[in-house]
Amino acid sequence: MAGTAIISLVSVNKYITEGIQHAIGENRAIKIASLVIFALLGFPLSITYSVPFSITSDLTADTGGGQGLAIGVLNLAIVIPQMIVSLGAGPWDALFSGGNIPAFVLAPLFALAAGVTATLKLPNLSSGSFKSSGFHFG
């Protein structure tokens, strides 16, 4: 997100000084930097999309509560914050004259705070407490 904020700031400054031609895509450096950042972000994003669901289904496979219920709760934990952000995005943009760069700057700060909180608050799984139960079919 910090890289996105930096590229956005450079792009907006060039738009102000060079005019509308820049917005159409004349500046190759900004275009290449954006493509590189988003290509690199794709790797951790694919892990973020798949690993929590696979770990949840693996940990709840033998509990009797059902994998569907656990994955549904995990999905709600992901979707509800997204809905809160989308509802607050309009007023937040209006607060900063319609620009989304402040949100790009604030997002990594919240991500860092969430990572620190998760590291400190989540229980440690010892190597003996978690055993893969293998693949479950049906």
C-alpha atoms as a PDB file:
ATOM      1  CA  MET A   1       0.000   0.000   0.000  1.00  0.00           C
ATOM      2  CA  ALA A   2       2.862   2.363   0.684  1.00  0.00           C
ATOM      3  CA  GLY A   3       4.155   1.765  -2.851  1.00  0.00           C
ATOM      4  CA  THR A   4       0.681   2.458  -4.227  1.00  0.00           C
ATOM      5  CA  ALA A   5       0.534   5.705  -2.252  1.00  0.00           C
ATOM      6  CA  ILE A   6       3.923   6.819  -3.582  1.00  0.00           C
ATOM      7  CA  ILE A   7       3.027   6.035  -7.198  1.00  0.00           C
ATOM      8  CA  SER A   8      -0.325   7.806  -6.751  1.00  0.00           C
ATOM      9  CA  LEU A   9       1.364  10.914  -5.381  1.00  0.00           C
ATOM     10  CA  VAL A  10       3.833  11.005  -8.280  1.00  0.00           C
ATOM     11  CA  SER A  11       1.037  10.461 -10.772  1.00  0.00           C
ATOM     12  CA  VAL A  12      -1.184  13.179  -9.300  1.00  0.00           C
ATOM     13  CA  ASN A  13       1.706  15.662  -9.218  1.00  0.00           C
ATOM     14  CA  LYS A  14       2.486  14.935 -12.876  1.00  0.00           C
ATOM     15  CA  TYR A  15      -1.206  15.291 -13.745  1.00  0.00           C
ATOM     16  CA  ILE A  16      -1.308  18.726 -12.130  1.00  0.00           C
ATOM     17  CA  THR A  17       1.877  19.933 -13.857  1.00  0.00           C
ATOM     18  CA  GLU A  18       1.611  18.192 -17.244  1.00  0.00           C
ATOM     19  CA  GLY A  19      -2.116  18.167 -17.878  1.00  0.00           C
ATOM     20  CA  ILE A  20      -4.564  15.555 -19.141  1.00  0.00           C
ATOM     21  CA  GLN A  21      -2.104  13.838 -21.512  1.00  0.00           C
ATOM     22  CA  HIS A  22      -0.479  12.181 -18.505  1.00  0.00           C
ATOM     23  CA  ALA A  23      -3.799  10.713 -17.367  1.00  0.00           C
ATOM     24  CA  ILE A  24      -4.258   9.036 -20.741  1.00  0.00           C
ATOM     25  CA  GLY A  25      -1.068   7.060 -20.197  1.00  0.00           C
ATOM     26  CA  GLU A  26       1.818   8.942 -21.672  1.00  0.00           C
ATOM     27  CA  ASN A  27       4.199   8.395 -18.760  1.00  0.00           C
ATOM     28  CA  ARG A  28       5.674   4.895 -19.172  1.00  0.00           C
ATOM     29  CA  ALA A  29       7.614   4.970 -15.876  1.00  0.00           C
ATOM     30  CA  ILE A  30       4.461   5.284 -13.786  1.00  0.00           C
ATOM     31  CA  LYS A  31       2.722   2.631 -15.846  1.00  0.00           C
ATOM     32  CA  ILE A  32       5.634   0.174 -15.457  1.00  0.00           C
ATOM     33  CA  ALA A  33       6.012   0.877 -11.729  1.00  0.00           C
ATOM     34  CA  SER A  34       2.296   0.252 -11.214  1.00  0.00           C
ATOM     35  CA  LEU A  35       2.389  -3.014 -13.146  1.00  0.00           C
ATOM     36  CA  VAL A  36       5.440  -4.246 -11.222  1.00  0.00           C
ATOM     37  CA  ILE A  37       3.912  -3.441  -7.841  1.00  0.00           C
ATOM     38  CA  PHE A  38       0.612  -5.117  -8.658  1.00  0.00           C
ATOM     39  CA  ALA A  39       2.354  -8.149 -10.149  1.00  0.00           C
ATOM     40  CA  LEU A  40       4.408  -8.540  -6.973  1.00  0.00           C
ATOM     41  CA  LEU A  41       1.316  -8.060  -4.810  1.00  0.00           C
ATOM     42  CA  GLY A  42      -0.388 -10.940  -6.617  1.00  0.00           C
ATOM     43  CA  PHE A  43       1.773 -13.593  -4.954  1.00  0.00           C
ATOM     44  CA  PRO A  44       0.934 -12.795  -1.309  1.00  0.00           C
ATOM     45  CA  LEU A  45      -2.639 -12.024  -2.304  1.00  0.00           C
ATOM     46  CA  SER A  46      -3.129 -15.542  -3.657  1.00  0.00           C
ATOM     47  CA  ILE A  47      -1.931 -16.923  -0.328  1.00  0.00           C
ATOM     48  CA  THR A  48      -4.207 -14.550   1.555  1.00  0.00           C
ATOM     49  CA  TYR A  49      -7.188 -15.767  -0.454  1.00  0.00           C
ATOM     50  CA  SER A  50      -6.573 -19.491  -0.029  1.00  0.00           C
ATOM     51  CA  VAL A  51      -4.635 -20.312   3.142  1.00  0.00           C
ATOM     52  CA  PRO A  52      -7.100 -19.065   5.817  1.00  0.00           C
ATOM     53  CA  PHE A  53      -9.898 -21.163   4.329  1.00  0.00           C
ATOM     54  CA  SER A  54      -7.755 -24.286   4.028  1.00  0.00           C
ATOM     55  CA  ILE A  55      -6.441 -23.946   7.587  1.00  0.00           C
ATOM     56  CA  THR A  56      -9.944 -23.347   8.929  1.00  0.00           C
ATOM     57  CA  SER A  57     -11.345 -26.398   7.193  1.00  0.00           C
ATOM     58  CA  ASP A  58      -8.393 -28.523   8.305  1.00  0.00           C
ATOM     59  CA  LEU A  59      -8.624 -27.440  11.949  1.00  0.00           C
ATOM     60  CA  THR A  60     -12.389 -27.954  12.124  1.00  0.00           C
ATOM     61  CA  ALA A  61     -12.550 -31.200  10.150  1.00  0.00           C
ATOM     62  CA  ASP A  62     -12.905 -33.463  13.188  1.00  0.00           C
ATOM     63  CA  THR A  63     -14.728 -31.160  15.620  1.00  0.00           C
ATOM     64  CA  GLY A  64     -18.248 -32.131  14.631  1.00  0.00           C
ATOM     65  CA  GLY A  65     -19.369 -28.523  14.182  1.00  0.00           C
ATOM     66  CA  GLY A  66     -19.010 -28.677  10.441  1.00  0.00           C
ATOM     67  CA  GLN A  67     -16.512 -27.125   8.127  1.00  0.00           C
ATOM     68  CA  GLY A  68     -19.194 -25.082   6.409  1.00  0.00           C
ATOM     69  CA  LEU A  69     -20.088 -23.252   9.613  1.00  0.00           C
ATOM     70  CA  ALA A  70     -16.443 -22.437  10.396  1.00  0.00           C
ATOM     71  CA  ILE A  71     -15.741 -21.219   6.865  1.00  0.00           C
ATOM     72  CA  GLY A  72     -18.958 -19.168   6.918  1.00  0.00           C
ATOM     73  CA  VAL A  73     -17.892 -17.444  10.132  1.00  0.00           C
ATOM     74  CA  LEU A  74     -14.456 -16.777   8.640  1.00  0.00           C
ATOM     75  CA  ASN A  75     -16.101 -15.359   5.523  1.00  0.00           C
ATOM     76  CA  LEU A  76     -18.234 -13.021   7.658  1.00  0.00           C
ATOM     77  CA  ALA A  77     -15.107 -11.885   9.502  1.00  0.00           C
ATOM     78  CA  ILE A  78     -13.672 -10.889   6.137  1.00  0.00           C
ATOM     79  CA  VAL A  79     -16.785  -9.389   4.532  1.00  0.00           C
ATOM     80  CA  ILE A  80     -18.101  -7.254   7.413  1.00  0.00           C
ATOM     81  CA  PRO A  81     -14.950  -5.072   7.643  1.00  0.00           C
ATOM     82  CA  GLN A  82     -15.026  -4.679   3.855  1.00  0.00           C
ATOM     83  CA  MET A  83     -18.607  -3.420   4.082  1.00  0.00           C
ATOM     84  CA  ILE A  84     -17.671  -0.966   6.834  1.00  0.00           C
ATOM     85  CA  VAL A  85     -14.804   0.370   4.717  1.00  0.00           C
ATOM     86  CA  SER A  86     -17.004   0.736   1.645  1.00  0.00           C
ATOM     87  CA  LEU A  87     -19.633   2.642   3.628  1.00  0.00           C
ATOM     88  CA  GLY A  88     -17.016   5.001   5.039  1.00  0.00           C
ATOM     89  CA  ALA A  89     -15.085   5.506   1.798  1.00  0.00           C
ATOM     90  CA  GLY A  90     -17.339   8.269   0.455  1.00  0.00           C
ATOM     91  CA  PRO A  91     -17.194  10.506   3.529  1.00  0.00           C
ATOM     92  CA  TRP A  92     -13.462   9.804   3.888  1.00  0.00           C
ATOM     93  CA  ASP A  93     -12.807  10.870   0.276  1.00  0.00           C
ATOM     94  CA  ALA A  94     -14.970  13.962   0.719  1.00  0.00           C
ATOM     95  CA  LEU A  95     -12.961  14.881   3.815  1.00  0.00           C
ATOM     96  CA  PHE A  96      -9.804  15.048   1.687  1.00  0.00           C
ATOM     97  CA  SER A  97     -11.307  16.777  -1.377  1.00  0.00           C
ATOM     98  CA  GLY A  98     -12.201  13.637  -3.286  1.00  0.00           C
ATOM     99  CA  GLY A  99      -8.760  12.059  -3.315  1.00  0.00           C
ATOM    100  CA  ASN A 100      -8.034   8.529  -2.176  1.00  0.00           C
ATOM    101  CA  ILE A 101      -4.330   8.989  -1.435  1.00  0.00           C
ATOM    102  CA  PRO A 102      -4.960   9.500   2.321  1.00  0.00           C
ATOM    103  CA  ALA A 103      -6.688   6.114   2.365  1.00  0.00           C
ATOM    104  CA  PHE A 104      -3.655   4.545   0.639  1.00  0.00           C
ATOM    105  CA  VAL A 105      -1.452   6.048   3.365  1.00  0.00           C
ATOM    106  CA  LEU A 106      -3.736   5.035   6.246  1.00  0.00           C
ATOM    107  CA  ALA A 107      -4.258   1.438   5.059  1.00  0.00           C
ATOM    108  CA  PRO A 108      -0.686   0.212   5.725  1.00  0.00           C
ATOM    109  CA  LEU A 109      -0.808   1.760   9.174  1.00  0.00           C
ATOM    110  CA  PHE A 110      -3.970  -0.184  10.016  1.00  0.00           C
ATOM    111  CA  ALA A 111      -2.487  -3.331   8.460  1.00  0.00           C
ATOM    112  CA  LEU A 112       0.601  -2.970  10.645  1.00  0.00           C
ATOM    113  CA  ALA A 113      -1.552  -2.448  13.753  1.00  0.00           C
ATOM    114  CA  ALA A 114      -3.643  -5.518  12.879  1.00  0.00           C
ATOM    115  CA  GLY A 115      -0.526  -7.624  12.323  1.00  0.00           C
ATOM    116  CA  VAL A 116       0.984  -6.589  15.650  1.00  0.00           C
ATOM    117  CA  THR A 117      -2.308  -7.214  17.447  1.00  0.00           C
ATOM    118  CA  ALA A 118      -2.703 -10.639  15.843  1.00  0.00           C
ATOM    119  CA  THR A 119       0.869 -11.588  16.708  1.00  0.00           C
ATOM    120  CA  LEU A 120       0.402 -10.595  20.330  1.00  0.00           C
ATOM    121  CA  LYS A 121      -3.139 -11.897  20.899  1.00  0.00           C
ATOM    122  CA  LEU A 122      -3.436 -15.122  18.894  1.00  0.00           C
ATOM    123  CA  PRO A 123      -2.467 -18.307  20.738  1.00  0.00           C
ATOM    124  CA  ASN A 124       0.750 -20.069  19.825  1.00  0.00           C
ATOM    125  CA  LEU A 125       0.288 -23.504  18.313  1.00  0.00           C
ATOM    126  CA  SER A 126       2.999 -25.818  19.489  1.00  0.00           C
ATOM    127  CA  SER A 127       4.256 -28.328  16.974  1.00  0.00           C
ATOM    128  CA  GLY A 128       2.546 -31.182  18.856  1.00  0.00           C
ATOM    129  CA  SER A 129      -0.875 -29.546  19.148  1.00  0.00           C
ATOM    130  CA  PHE A 130      -1.572 -29.351  15.426  1.00  0.00           C
ATOM    131  CA  LYS A 131      -1.533 -32.439  13.296  1.00  0.00           C
ATOM    132  CA  SER A 132      -2.790 -32.464   9.759  1.00  0.00           C
ATOM    133  CA  SER A 133      -5.690 -34.856   9.386  1.00  0.00           C
ATOM    134  CA  GLY A 134      -5.083 -35.273   5.669  1.00  0.00           C
ATOM    135  CA  PHE A 135      -7.527 -34.766   2.853  1.00  0.00           C
ATOM    136  CA  HIS A 136     -11.238 -35.010   3.523  1.00  0.00           C
ATOM    137  CA  PHE A 137     -13.575 -35.977   0.750  1.00  0.00           C
ATOM    138  CA  GLY A 138     -17.343 -36.027   0.799  1.00  0.00           C
END
